[in-house]
């Protein structure tokens, strides 16, 4: 039951759901997520830590950046089930669509230069 509650708590925050919807489209670093969500870097990092601990996202070092991506579901059957459904959920949300439409225009090299 503990693993189930961890996944459900991770998905209880709208910004964490938005992060997952963005990562469904493309692997992103913290600064790219920050730019798309319009929230602070420490807040994005905290959200990613919660998602990681719930088995919903993984990360990999990529040069200067750490890229986050959707987990494969091997760590948690609950995470796998919810991630599979989340692919189809909220696709018609104007808020989600507005953020995902901006992904091609967000460049980490430009954001991290600031």
PDB file of N, CA and C in Angstrom:
ATOM      1  N   UNK A   1       0.818  -1.190   0.000  1.00  0.00           N
ATOM      2  CA  UNK A   1       0.000   0.000   0.000  1.00  0.00           C
ATOM      3  C   UNK A   1       0.870   1.265   0.000  1.00  0.00           C
ATOM      4  N   UNK A   2       2.038   1.184   0.603  1.00  0.00           N
ATOM      5  CA  UNK A   2       2.922   2.344   0.701  1.00  0.00           C
ATOM      6  C   UNK A   2       3.326   2.872  -0.687  1.00  0.00           C
ATOM      7  N   UNK A   3       3.655   1.962  -1.595  1.00  0.00           N
ATOM      8  CA  UNK A   3       4.061   2.365  -2.953  1.00  0.00           C
ATOM      9  C   UNK A   3       2.901   3.034  -3.686  1.00  0.00           C
ATOM     10  N   UNK A   4       1.704   2.520  -3.505  1.00  0.00           N
ATOM     11  CA  UNK A   4       0.521   3.098  -4.136  1.00  0.00           C
ATOM     12  C   UNK A   4       0.288   4.520  -3.655  1.00  0.00           C
ATOM     13  N   UNK A   5       0.363   4.721  -2.350  1.00  0.00           N
ATOM     14  CA  UNK A   5       0.137   6.049  -1.767  1.00  0.00           C
ATOM     15  C   UNK A   5       1.211   7.022  -2.238  1.00  0.00           C
ATOM     16  N   UNK A   6       2.443   6.555  -2.357  1.00  0.00           N
ATOM     17  CA  UNK A   6       3.537   7.423  -2.823  1.00  0.00           C
ATOM     18  C   UNK A   6       3.261   7.933  -4.241  1.00  0.00           C
ATOM     19  N   UNK A   7       2.804   7.056  -5.111  1.00  0.00           N
ATOM     20  CA  UNK A   7       2.490   7.446  -6.492  1.00  0.00           C
ATOM     21  C   UNK A   7       1.312   8.417  -6.507  1.00  0.00           C
ATOM     22  N   UNK A   8       0.287   8.118  -5.742  1.00  0.00           N
ATOM     23  CA  UNK A   8      -0.896   8.977  -5.722  1.00  0.00           C
ATOM     24  C   UNK A   8      -0.560  10.367  -5.160  1.00  0.00           C
ATOM     25  N   UNK A   9       0.264  10.415  -4.124  1.00  0.00           N
ATOM     26  CA  UNK A   9       0.673  11.710  -3.572  1.00  0.00           C
ATOM     27  C   UNK A   9       1.498  12.494  -4.591  1.00  0.00           C
ATOM     28  N   UNK A  10       2.344  11.786  -5.323  1.00  0.00           N
ATOM     29  CA  UNK A  10       3.164  12.463  -6.334  1.00  0.00           C
ATOM     30  C   UNK A  10       2.288  13.099  -7.403  1.00  0.00           C
ATOM     31  N   UNK A  11       1.184  12.461  -7.720  1.00  0.00           N
ATOM     32  CA  UNK A  11       0.291  12.972  -8.765  1.00  0.00           C
ATOM     33  C   UNK A  11      -0.751  13.952  -8.230  1.00  0.00           C
ATOM     34  N   UNK A  12      -0.693  14.243  -6.944  1.00  0.00           N
ATOM     35  CA  UNK A  12      -1.698  15.127  -6.347  1.00  0.00           C
ATOM     36  C   UNK A  12      -1.405  16.611  -6.554  1.00  0.00           C
ATOM     37  N   UNK A  13      -0.252  16.931  -7.096  1.00  0.00           N
ATOM     38  CA  UNK A  13       0.113  18.327  -7.315  1.00  0.00           C
ATOM     39  C   UNK A  13       0.005  18.654  -8.809  1.00  0.00           C
ATOM     40  N   UNK A  14      -0.706  19.722  -9.167  1.00  0.00           N
ATOM     41  CA  UNK A  14      -0.868  20.069 -10.586  1.00  0.00           C
ATOM     42  C   UNK A  14       0.456  20.290 -11.328  1.00  0.00           C
ATOM     43  N   UNK A  15       1.449  20.877 -10.668  1.00  0.00           N
ATOM     44  CA  UNK A  15       2.727  21.104 -11.350  1.00  0.00           C
ATOM     45  C   UNK A  15       3.441  19.794 -11.659  1.00  0.00           C
ATOM     46  N   UNK A  16       3.293  18.802 -10.793  1.00  0.00           N
ATOM     47  CA  UNK A  16       3.919  17.510 -11.064  1.00  0.00           C
ATOM     48  C   UNK A  16       3.217  16.808 -12.234  1.00  0.00           C
ATOM     49  N   UNK A  17       1.918  16.947 -12.321  1.00  0.00           N
ATOM     50  CA  UNK A  17       1.193  16.388 -13.465  1.00  0.00           C
ATOM     51  C   UNK A  17       1.644  17.088 -14.745  1.00  0.00           C
ATOM     52  N   UNK A  18       1.800  18.402 -14.686  1.00  0.00           N
ATOM     53  CA  UNK A  18       2.267  19.154 -15.853  1.00  0.00           C
ATOM     54  C   UNK A  18       3.664  18.692 -16.271  1.00  0.00           C
ATOM     55  N   UNK A  19       4.528  18.463 -15.296  1.00  0.00           N
ATOM     56  CA  UNK A  19       5.885  17.984 -15.599  1.00  0.00           C
ATOM     57  C   UNK A  19       5.804  16.655 -16.349  1.00  0.00           C
ATOM     58  N   UNK A  20       4.981  15.752 -15.870  1.00  0.00           N
ATOM     59  CA  UNK A  20       4.848  14.462 -16.545  1.00  0.00           C
ATOM     60  C   UNK A  20       4.310  14.613 -17.962  1.00  0.00           C
ATOM     61  N   UNK A  21       3.329  15.484 -18.141  1.00  0.00           N
ATOM     62  CA  UNK A  21       2.785  15.700 -19.482  1.00  0.00           C
ATOM     63  C   UNK A  21       3.852  16.270 -20.416  1.00  0.00           C
ATOM     64  N   UNK A  22       4.693  17.151 -19.915  1.00  0.00           N
ATOM     65  CA  UNK A  22       5.781  17.704 -20.727  1.00  0.00           C
ATOM     66  C   UNK A  22       6.809  16.627 -21.061  1.00  0.00           C
ATOM     67  N   UNK A  23       7.154  15.808 -20.065  1.00  0.00           N
ATOM     68  CA  UNK A  23       8.150  14.761 -20.283  1.00  0.00           C
ATOM     69  C   UNK A  23       7.632  13.651 -21.195  1.00  0.00           C
ATOM     70  N   UNK A  24       6.337  13.534 -21.339  1.00  0.00           N
ATOM     71  CA  UNK A  24       5.794  12.572 -22.296  1.00  0.00           C
ATOM     72  C   UNK A  24       6.158  12.973 -23.726  1.00  0.00           C
ATOM     73  N   UNK A  25       6.377  14.242 -23.940  1.00  0.00           N
ATOM     74  CA  UNK A  25       6.688  14.745 -25.280  1.00  0.00           C
ATOM     75  C   UNK A  25       8.187  14.743 -25.572  1.00  0.00           C
ATOM     76  N   UNK A  26       8.997  15.016 -24.502  1.00  0.00           N
ATOM     77  CA  UNK A  26      10.435  15.176 -24.730  1.00  0.00           C
ATOM     78  C   UNK A  26      11.172  15.097 -23.396  1.00  0.00           C
ATOM     79  N   UNK A  27      12.372  14.537 -23.413  1.00  0.00           N
ATOM     80  CA  UNK A  27      13.230  14.591 -22.233  1.00  0.00           C
ATOM     81  C   UNK A  27      13.643  16.042 -22.030  1.00  0.00           C
ATOM     82  N   UNK A  28      13.573  16.513 -20.797  1.00  0.00           N
ATOM     83  CA  UNK A  28      13.859  17.923 -20.516  1.00  0.00           C
ATOM     84  C   UNK A  28      14.730  18.054 -19.282  1.00  0.00           C
ATOM     85  N   UNK A  29      15.511  19.143 -19.229  1.00  0.00           N
ATOM     86  CA  UNK A  29      16.302  19.451 -18.044  1.00  0.00           C
ATOM     87  C   UNK A  29      15.493  20.387 -17.135  1.00  0.00           C
ATOM     88  N   UNK A  30      16.007  20.627 -15.947  1.00  0.00           N
ATOM     89  CA  UNK A  30      15.320  21.462 -14.972  1.00  0.00           C
ATOM     90  C   UNK A  30      15.069  22.862 -15.515  1.00  0.00           C
ATOM     91  N   UNK A  31      16.066  23.446 -16.180  1.00  0.00           N
ATOM     92  CA  UNK A  31      15.894  24.821 -16.661  1.00  0.00           C
ATOM     93  C   UNK A  31      14.826  24.904 -17.751  1.00  0.00           C
ATOM     94  N   UNK A  32      14.725  23.876 -18.595  1.00  0.00           N
ATOM     95  CA  UNK A  32      13.676  23.864 -19.610  1.00  0.00           C
ATOM     96  C   UNK A  32      12.295  23.746 -18.958  1.00  0.00           C
ATOM     97  N   UNK A  33      12.186  22.871 -17.960  1.00  0.00           N
ATOM     98  CA  UNK A  33      10.921  22.728 -17.241  1.00  0.00           C
ATOM     99  C   UNK A  33      10.562  24.031 -16.530  1.00  0.00           C
ATOM    100  N   UNK A  34      11.563  24.665 -15.948  1.00  0.00           N
ATOM    101  CA  UNK A  34      11.349  25.947 -15.275  1.00  0.00           C
ATOM    102  C   UNK A  34      10.791  26.968 -16.252  1.00  0.00           C
ATOM    103  N   UNK A  35      11.367  27.042 -17.435  1.00  0.00           N
ATOM    104  CA  UNK A  35      10.908  27.994 -18.441  1.00  0.00           C
ATOM    105  C   UNK A  35       9.489  27.711 -18.917  1.00  0.00           C
ATOM    106  N   UNK A  36       9.158  26.437 -19.057  1.00  0.00           N
ATOM    107  CA  UNK A  36       7.826  26.070 -19.532  1.00  0.00           C
ATOM    108  C   UNK A  36       6.749  26.255 -18.460  1.00  0.00           C
ATOM    109  N   UNK A  37       7.116  25.981 -17.214  1.00  0.00           N
ATOM    110  CA  UNK A  37       6.140  26.055 -16.123  1.00  0.00           C
ATOM    111  C   UNK A  37       6.041  27.440 -15.492  1.00  0.00           C
ATOM    112  N   UNK A  38       7.110  28.217 -15.608  1.00  0.00           N
ATOM    113  CA  UNK A  38       7.117  29.545 -14.996  1.00  0.00           C
ATOM    114  C   UNK A  38       7.213  29.500 -13.478  1.00  0.00           C
ATOM    115  N   UNK A  39       7.918  28.478 -12.953  1.00  0.00           N
ATOM    116  CA  UNK A  39       8.148  28.383 -11.506  1.00  0.00           C
ATOM    117  C   UNK A  39       9.646  28.327 -11.256  1.00  0.00           C
ATOM    118  N   UNK A  40      10.056  28.511 -10.015  1.00  0.00           N
ATOM    119  CA  UNK A  40      11.480  28.610  -9.694  1.00  0.00           C
ATOM    120  C   UNK A  40      12.205  27.275  -9.860  1.00  0.00           C
ATOM    121  N   UNK A  41      13.508  27.366 -10.064  1.00  0.00           N
ATOM    122  CA  UNK A  41      14.339  26.166 -10.232  1.00  0.00           C
ATOM    123  C   UNK A  41      14.281  25.261  -9.001  1.00  0.00           C
ATOM    124  N   UNK A  42      14.388  25.795  -7.772  1.00  0.00           N
ATOM    125  CA  UNK A  42      14.300  24.899  -6.611  1.00  0.00           C
ATOM    126  C   UNK A  42      12.952  24.178  -6.525  1.00  0.00           C
ATOM    127  N   UNK A  43      11.887  24.849  -6.921  1.00  0.00           N
ATOM    128  CA  UNK A  43      10.560  24.229  -6.883  1.00  0.00           C
ATOM    129  C   UNK A  43      10.473  23.103  -7.909  1.00  0.00           C
ATOM    130  N   UNK A  44      10.989  23.335  -9.117  1.00  0.00           N
ATOM    131  CA  UNK A  44      11.002  22.292 -10.143  1.00  0.00           C
ATOM    132  C   UNK A  44      11.811  21.099  -9.636  1.00  0.00           C
ATOM    133  N   UNK A  45      12.963  21.362  -9.043  1.00  0.00           N
ATOM    134  CA  UNK A  45      13.815  20.280  -8.534  1.00  0.00           C
ATOM    135  C   UNK A  45      13.110  19.469  -7.454  1.00  0.00           C
ATOM    136  N   UNK A  46      12.397  20.133  -6.571  1.00  0.00           N
ATOM    137  CA  UNK A  46      11.654  19.420  -5.517  1.00  0.00           C
ATOM    138  C   UNK A  46      10.564  18.542  -6.123  1.00  0.00           C
ATOM    139  N   UNK A  47       9.853  19.075  -7.103  1.00  0.00           N
ATOM    140  CA  UNK A  47       8.816  18.285  -7.763  1.00  0.00           C
ATOM    141  C   UNK A  47       9.421  17.056  -8.451  1.00  0.00           C
ATOM    142  N   UNK A  48      10.552  17.242  -9.114  1.00  0.00           N
ATOM    143  CA  UNK A  48      11.203  16.125  -9.795  1.00  0.00           C
ATOM    144  C   UNK A  48      11.661  15.057  -8.806  1.00  0.00           C
ATOM    145  N   UNK A  49      12.125  15.464  -7.650  1.00  0.00           N
ATOM    146  CA  UNK A  49      12.553  14.517  -6.617  1.00  0.00           C
ATOM    147  C   UNK A  49      11.371  13.662  -6.152  1.00  0.00           C
ATOM    148  N   UNK A  50      10.214  14.284  -5.950  1.00  0.00           N
ATOM    149  CA  UNK A  50       9.013  13.549  -5.541  1.00  0.00           C
ATOM    150  C   UNK A  50       8.614  12.552  -6.635  1.00  0.00           C
ATOM    151  N   UNK A  51       8.637  13.000  -7.882  1.00  0.00           N
ATOM    152  CA  UNK A  51       8.280  12.123  -8.999  1.00  0.00           C
ATOM    153  C   UNK A  51       9.273  10.962  -9.137  1.00  0.00           C
ATOM    154  N   UNK A  52      10.545  11.255  -8.918  1.00  0.00           N
ATOM    155  CA  UNK A  52      11.574  10.223  -9.000  1.00  0.00           C
ATOM    156  C   UNK A  52      11.371   9.178  -7.895  1.00  0.00           C
ATOM    157  N   UNK A  53      11.141   9.638  -6.683  1.00  0.00           N
ATOM    158  CA  UNK A  53      10.962   8.722  -5.552  1.00  0.00           C
ATOM    159  C   UNK A  53       9.722   7.843  -5.717  1.00  0.00           C
ATOM    160  N   UNK A  54       8.733   8.333  -6.465  1.00  0.00           N
ATOM    161  CA  UNK A  54       7.520   7.559  -6.714  1.00  0.00           C
ATOM    162  C   UNK A  54       7.680   6.610  -7.901  1.00  0.00           C
ATOM    163  N   UNK A  55       8.828   6.659  -8.573  1.00  0.00           N
ATOM    164  CA  UNK A  55       9.065   5.786  -9.721  1.00  0.00           C
ATOM    165  C   UNK A  55       8.422   6.259 -11.005  1.00  0.00           C
ATOM    166  N   UNK A  56       8.135   7.562 -11.080  1.00  0.00           N
ATOM    167  CA  UNK A  56       7.464   8.123 -12.258  1.00  0.00           C
ATOM    168  C   UNK A  56       8.435   8.722 -13.271  1.00  0.00           C
ATOM    169  N   UNK A  57       9.604   9.159 -12.825  1.00  0.00           N
ATOM    170  CA  UNK A  57      10.609   9.712 -13.736  1.00  0.00           C
ATOM    171  C   UNK A  57      11.989   9.173 -13.373  1.00  0.00           C
ATOM    172  N   UNK A  58      12.856   9.182 -14.360  1.00  0.00           N
ATOM    173  CA  UNK A  58      14.274   8.868 -14.182  1.00  0.00           C
ATOM    174  C   UNK A  58      15.062  10.053 -14.702  1.00  0.00           C
ATOM    175  N   UNK A  59      16.363  10.019 -14.438  1.00  0.00           N
ATOM    176  CA  UNK A  59      17.225  11.068 -14.983  1.00  0.00           C
ATOM    177  C   UNK A  59      18.530  10.458 -15.452  1.00  0.00           C
ATOM    178  N   UNK A  60      19.176  11.198 -16.343  1.00  0.00           N
ATOM    179  CA  UNK A  60      20.483  10.799 -16.850  1.00  0.00           C
ATOM    180  C   UNK A  60      21.318  12.055 -17.055  1.00  0.00           C
ATOM    181  N   UNK A  61      22.588  11.973 -16.711  1.00  0.00           N
ATOM    182  CA  UNK A  61      23.511  13.093 -16.917  1.00  0.00           C
ATOM    183  C   UNK A  61      23.808  13.198 -18.407  1.00  0.00           C
ATOM    184  N   UNK A  62      23.718  14.419 -18.930  1.00  0.00           N
ATOM    185  CA  UNK A  62      23.930  14.661 -20.357  1.00  0.00           C
ATOM    186  C   UNK A  62      24.815  15.898 -20.484  1.00  0.00           C
ATOM    187  N   UNK A  63      26.115  15.710 -20.419  1.00  0.00           N
ATOM    188  CA  UNK A  63      27.038  16.849 -20.470  1.00  0.00           C
ATOM    189  C   UNK A  63      26.845  17.745 -19.265  1.00  0.00           C
ATOM    190  N   UNK A  64      26.525  19.014 -19.517  1.00  0.00           N
ATOM    191  CA  UNK A  64      26.312  19.975 -18.433  1.00  0.00           C
ATOM    192  C   UNK A  64      24.945  19.828 -17.771  1.00  0.00           C
ATOM    193  N   UNK A  65      24.052  19.097 -18.400  1.00  0.00           N
ATOM    194  CA  UNK A  65      22.668  19.032 -17.940  1.00  0.00           C
ATOM    195  C   UNK A  65      22.314  17.657 -17.398  1.00  0.00           C
ATOM    196  N   UNK A  66      21.234  17.641 -16.661  1.00  0.00           N
ATOM    197  CA  UNK A  66      20.625  16.397 -16.214  1.00  0.00           C
ATOM    198  C   UNK A  66      19.261  16.335 -16.900  1.00  0.00           C
ATOM    199  N   UNK A  67      19.070  15.332 -17.731  1.00  0.00           N
ATOM    200  CA  UNK A  67      17.817  15.176 -18.461  1.00  0.00           C
ATOM    201  C   UNK A  67      16.879  14.258 -17.689  1.00  0.00           C
ATOM    202  N   UNK A  68      15.640  14.676 -17.591  1.00  0.00           N
ATOM    203  CA  UNK A  68      14.604  13.870 -16.946  1.00  0.00           C
ATOM    204  C   UNK A  68      13.711  13.273 -18.016  1.00  0.00           C
ATOM    205  N   UNK A  69      13.240  12.064 -17.754  1.00  0.00           N
ATOM    206  CA  UNK A  69      12.378  11.384 -18.705  1.00  0.00           C
ATOM    207  C   UNK A  69      11.408  10.468 -17.961  1.00  0.00           C
ATOM    208  N   UNK A  70      10.349  10.076 -18.645  1.00  0.00           N
ATOM    209  CA  UNK A  70       9.312   9.231 -18.062  1.00  0.00           C
ATOM    210  C   UNK A  70       9.892   7.849 -17.753  1.00  0.00           C
ATOM    211  N   UNK A  71       9.575   7.342 -16.574  1.00  0.00           N
ATOM    212  CA  UNK A  71      10.050   6.028 -16.160  1.00  0.00           C
ATOM    213  C   UNK A  71       9.408   4.925 -17.004  1.00  0.00           C
ATOM    214  N   UNK A  72      10.058   3.786 -17.021  1.00  0.00           N
ATOM    215  CA  UNK A  72       9.548   2.654 -17.796  1.00  0.00           C
ATOM    216  C   UNK A  72       8.530   1.825 -17.018  1.00  0.00           C
ATOM    217  N   UNK A  73       8.324   2.138 -15.750  1.00  0.00           N
ATOM    218  CA  UNK A  73       7.333   1.438 -14.948  1.00  0.00           C
ATOM    219  C   UNK A  73       7.836   0.188 -14.254  1.00  0.00           C
ATOM    220  N   UNK A  74       9.093  -0.150 -14.424  1.00  0.00           N
ATOM    221  CA  UNK A  74       9.638  -1.360 -13.796  1.00  0.00           C
ATOM    222  C   UNK A  74       9.741  -1.222 -12.270  1.00  0.00           C
ATOM    223  N   UNK A  75       9.923  -0.015 -11.795  1.00  0.00           N
ATOM    224  CA  UNK A  75      10.092   0.218 -10.356  1.00  0.00           C
ATOM    225  C   UNK A  75       8.768   0.069  -9.609  1.00  0.00           C
ATOM    226  N   UNK A  76       7.667   0.394 -10.270  1.00  0.00           N
ATOM    227  CA  UNK A  76       6.371   0.372  -9.599  1.00  0.00           C
ATOM    228  C   UNK A  76       5.258   0.070 -10.601  1.00  0.00           C
ATOM    229  N   UNK A  77       4.491  -0.965 -10.310  1.00  0.00           N
ATOM    230  CA  UNK A  77       3.349  -1.297 -11.167  1.00  0.00           C
ATOM    231  C   UNK A  77       2.307  -0.191 -11.121  1.00  0.00           C
ATOM    232  N   UNK A  78       2.185   0.474  -9.990  1.00  0.00           N
ATOM    233  CA  UNK A  78       1.230   1.580  -9.863  1.00  0.00           C
ATOM    234  C   UNK A  78       1.652   2.742 -10.753  1.00  0.00           C
ATOM    235  N   UNK A  79       2.940   3.049 -10.742  1.00  0.00           N
ATOM    236  CA  UNK A  79       3.451   4.121 -11.596  1.00  0.00           C
ATOM    237  C   UNK A  79       3.242   3.755 -13.063  1.00  0.00           C
ATOM    238  N   UNK A  80       3.524   2.513 -13.417  1.00  0.00           N
ATOM    239  CA  UNK A  80       3.366   2.071 -14.808  1.00  0.00           C
ATOM    240  C   UNK A  80       1.923   2.221 -15.274  1.00  0.00           C
ATOM    241  N   UNK A  81       1.001   1.822 -14.438  1.00  0.00           N
ATOM    242  CA  UNK A  81      -0.417   1.898 -14.793  1.00  0.00           C
ATOM    243  C   UNK A  81      -0.871   3.344 -14.974  1.00  0.00           C
ATOM    244  N   UNK A  82      -0.500   4.192 -14.031  1.00  0.00           N
ATOM    245  CA  UNK A  82      -0.916   5.590 -14.118  1.00  0.00           C
ATOM    246  C   UNK A  82      -0.231   6.326 -15.261  1.00  0.00           C
ATOM    247  N   UNK A  83       1.030   6.025 -15.502  1.00  0.00           N
ATOM    248  CA  UNK A  83       1.724   6.662 -16.628  1.00  0.00           C
ATOM    249  C   UNK A  83       1.091   6.247 -17.953  1.00  0.00           C
ATOM    250  N   UNK A  84       0.690   4.976 -18.051  1.00  0.00           N
ATOM    251  CA  UNK A  84       0.039   4.514 -19.271  1.00  0.00           C
ATOM    252  C   UNK A  84      -1.266   5.247 -19.535  1.00  0.00           C
ATOM    253  N   UNK A  85      -2.029   5.476 -18.478  1.00  0.00           N
ATOM    254  CA  UNK A  85      -3.293   6.201 -18.628  1.00  0.00           C
ATOM    255  C   UNK A  85      -3.074   7.687 -18.846  1.00  0.00           C
ATOM    256  N   UNK A  86      -2.066   8.244 -18.185  1.00  0.00           N
ATOM    257  CA  UNK A  86      -1.811   9.678 -18.278  1.00  0.00           C
ATOM    258  C   UNK A  86      -1.468  10.099 -19.712  1.00  0.00           C
ATOM    259  N   UNK A  87      -0.958   9.158 -20.509  1.00  0.00           N
ATOM    260  CA  UNK A  87      -0.672   9.470 -21.916  1.00  0.00           C
ATOM    261  C   UNK A  87      -1.915   9.986 -22.632  1.00  0.00           C
ATOM    262  N   UNK A  88      -3.067   9.492 -22.214  1.00  0.00           N
ATOM    263  CA  UNK A  88      -4.319   9.832 -22.877  1.00  0.00           C
ATOM    264  C   UNK A  88      -5.115  10.904 -22.133  1.00  0.00           C
ATOM    265  N   UNK A  89      -4.853  11.049 -20.868  1.00  0.00           N
ATOM    266  CA  UNK A  89      -5.593  12.013 -20.058  1.00  0.00           C
ATOM    267  C   UNK A  89      -5.063  13.426 -20.278  1.00  0.00           C
ATOM    268  N   UNK A  90      -5.918  14.392 -20.184  1.00  0.00           N
ATOM    269  CA  UNK A  90      -5.600  15.831 -20.215  1.00  0.00           C
ATOM    270  C   UNK A  90      -5.084  16.324 -21.560  1.00  0.00           C
ATOM    271  N   UNK A  91      -5.157  15.516 -22.588  1.00  0.00           N
ATOM    272  CA  UNK A  91      -4.674  15.935 -23.891  1.00  0.00           C
ATOM    273  C   UNK A  91      -5.491  17.094 -24.454  1.00  0.00           C
ATOM    274  N   UNK A  92      -6.744  17.203 -24.037  1.00  0.00           N
ATOM    275  CA  UNK A  92      -7.596  18.282 -24.529  1.00  0.00           C
ATOM    276  C   UNK A  92      -7.586  19.506 -23.618  1.00  0.00           C
ATOM    277  N   UNK A  93      -6.759  19.488 -22.591  1.00  0.00           N
ATOM    278  CA  UNK A  93      -6.656  20.624 -21.671  1.00  0.00           C
ATOM    279  C   UNK A  93      -5.921  21.776 -22.352  1.00  0.00           C
ATOM    280  N   UNK A  94      -6.548  22.966 -22.423  1.00  0.00           N
ATOM    281  CA  UNK A  94      -5.863  24.114 -23.040  1.00  0.00           C
ATOM    282  C   UNK A  94      -4.554  24.468 -22.326  1.00  0.00           C
ATOM    283  N   UNK A  95      -4.524  24.302 -21.019  1.00  0.00           N
ATOM    284  CA  UNK A  95      -3.310  24.613 -20.252  1.00  0.00           C
ATOM    285  C   UNK A  95      -2.164  23.673 -20.637  1.00  0.00           C
ATOM    286  N   UNK A  96      -2.464  22.396 -20.722  1.00  0.00           N
ATOM    287  CA  UNK A  96      -1.443  21.414 -21.105  1.00  0.00           C
ATOM    288  C   UNK A  96      -1.013  21.632 -22.550  1.00  0.00           C
ATOM    289  N   UNK A  97      -1.975  21.808 -23.430  1.00  0.00           N
ATOM    290  CA  UNK A  97      -1.656  22.016 -24.844  1.00  0.00           C
ATOM    291  C   UNK A  97      -0.809  23.271 -25.038  1.00  0.00           C
ATOM    292  N   UNK A  98      -1.124  24.333 -24.301  1.00  0.00           N
ATOM    293  CA  UNK A  98      -0.349  25.567 -24.397  1.00  0.00           C
ATOM    294  C   UNK A  98       1.107  25.363 -24.033  1.00  0.00           C
ATOM    295  N   UNK A  99       1.358  24.550 -22.991  1.00  0.00           N
ATOM    296  CA  UNK A  99       2.743  24.278 -22.587  1.00  0.00           C
ATOM    297  C   UNK A  99       3.447  23.350 -23.565  1.00  0.00           C
ATOM    298  N   UNK A 100       2.766  22.292 -23.980  1.00  0.00           N
ATOM    299  CA  UNK A 100       3.423  21.335 -24.869  1.00  0.00           C
ATOM    300  C   UNK A 100       3.704  21.943 -26.246  1.00  0.00           C
ATOM    301  N   UNK A 101       2.879  22.885 -26.660  1.00  0.00           N
ATOM    302  CA  UNK A 101       3.118  23.560 -27.948  1.00  0.00           C
ATOM    303  C   UNK A 101       4.388  24.409 -27.915  1.00  0.00           C
ATOM    304  N   UNK A 102       4.823  24.817 -26.730  1.00  0.00           N
ATOM    305  CA  UNK A 102       6.022  25.653 -26.598  1.00  0.00           C
ATOM    306  C   UNK A 102       7.316  24.840 -26.546  1.00  0.00           C
ATOM    307  N   UNK A 103       7.211  23.540 -26.362  1.00  0.00           N
ATOM    308  CA  UNK A 103       8.415  22.709 -26.203  1.00  0.00           C
ATOM    309  C   UNK A 103       9.425  22.900 -27.325  1.00  0.00           C
ATOM    310  N   UNK A 104       9.029  22.913 -28.599  1.00  0.00           N
ATOM    311  CA  UNK A 104      10.026  23.057 -29.664  1.00  0.00           C
ATOM    312  C   UNK A 104      10.800  24.382 -29.622  1.00  0.00           C
ATOM    313  N   UNK A 105      10.266  25.368 -28.926  1.00  0.00           N
ATOM    314  CA  UNK A 105      10.892  26.692 -28.894  1.00  0.00           C
ATOM    315  C   UNK A 105      11.730  26.934 -27.639  1.00  0.00           C
ATOM    316  N   UNK A 106      11.773  25.957 -26.750  1.00  0.00           N
ATOM    317  CA  UNK A 106      12.544  26.088 -25.510  1.00  0.00           C
ATOM    318  C   UNK A 106      13.903  25.441 -25.726  1.00  0.00           C
ATOM    319  N   UNK A 107      14.929  26.260 -25.600  1.00  0.00           N
ATOM    320  CA  UNK A 107      16.298  25.773 -25.785  1.00  0.00           C
ATOM    321  C   UNK A 107      17.090  25.979 -24.511  1.00  0.00           C
ATOM    322  N   UNK A 108      17.619  24.907 -23.978  1.00  0.00           N
ATOM    323  CA  UNK A 108      18.373  24.985 -22.720  1.00  0.00           C
ATOM    324  C   UNK A 108      19.582  25.903 -22.831  1.00  0.00           C
ATOM    325  N   UNK A 109      20.190  25.936 -24.006  1.00  0.00           N
ATOM    326  CA  UNK A 109      21.366  26.798 -24.176  1.00  0.00           C
ATOM    327  C   UNK A 109      21.004  28.266 -23.977  1.00  0.00           C
ATOM    328  N   UNK A 110      19.818  28.658 -24.414  1.00  0.00           N
ATOM    329  CA  UNK A 110      19.368  30.040 -24.256  1.00  0.00           C
ATOM    330  C   UNK A 110      18.946  30.317 -22.814  1.00  0.00           C
ATOM    331  N   UNK A 111      18.237  29.399 -22.216  1.00  0.00           N
ATOM    332  CA  UNK A 111      17.735  29.590 -20.847  1.00  0.00           C
ATOM    333  C   UNK A 111      18.880  29.645 -19.846  1.00  0.00           C
ATOM    334  N   UNK A 112      19.818  28.739 -19.972  1.00  0.00           N
ATOM    335  CA  UNK A 112      20.894  28.617 -18.978  1.00  0.00           C
ATOM    336  C   UNK A 112      21.965  29.704 -19.137  1.00  0.00           C
ATOM    337  N   UNK A 113      21.922  30.454 -20.235  1.00  0.00           N
ATOM    338  CA  UNK A 113      22.873  31.555 -20.420  1.00  0.00           C
ATOM    339  C   UNK A 113      22.562  32.735 -19.515  1.00  0.00           C
ATOM    340  N   UNK A 114      21.291  32.851 -19.147  1.00  0.00           N
ATOM    341  CA  UNK A 114      20.832  34.022 -18.380  1.00  0.00           C
ATOM    342  C   UNK A 114      21.486  34.128 -17.046  1.00  0.00           C
TER     343      UNK A 114
END
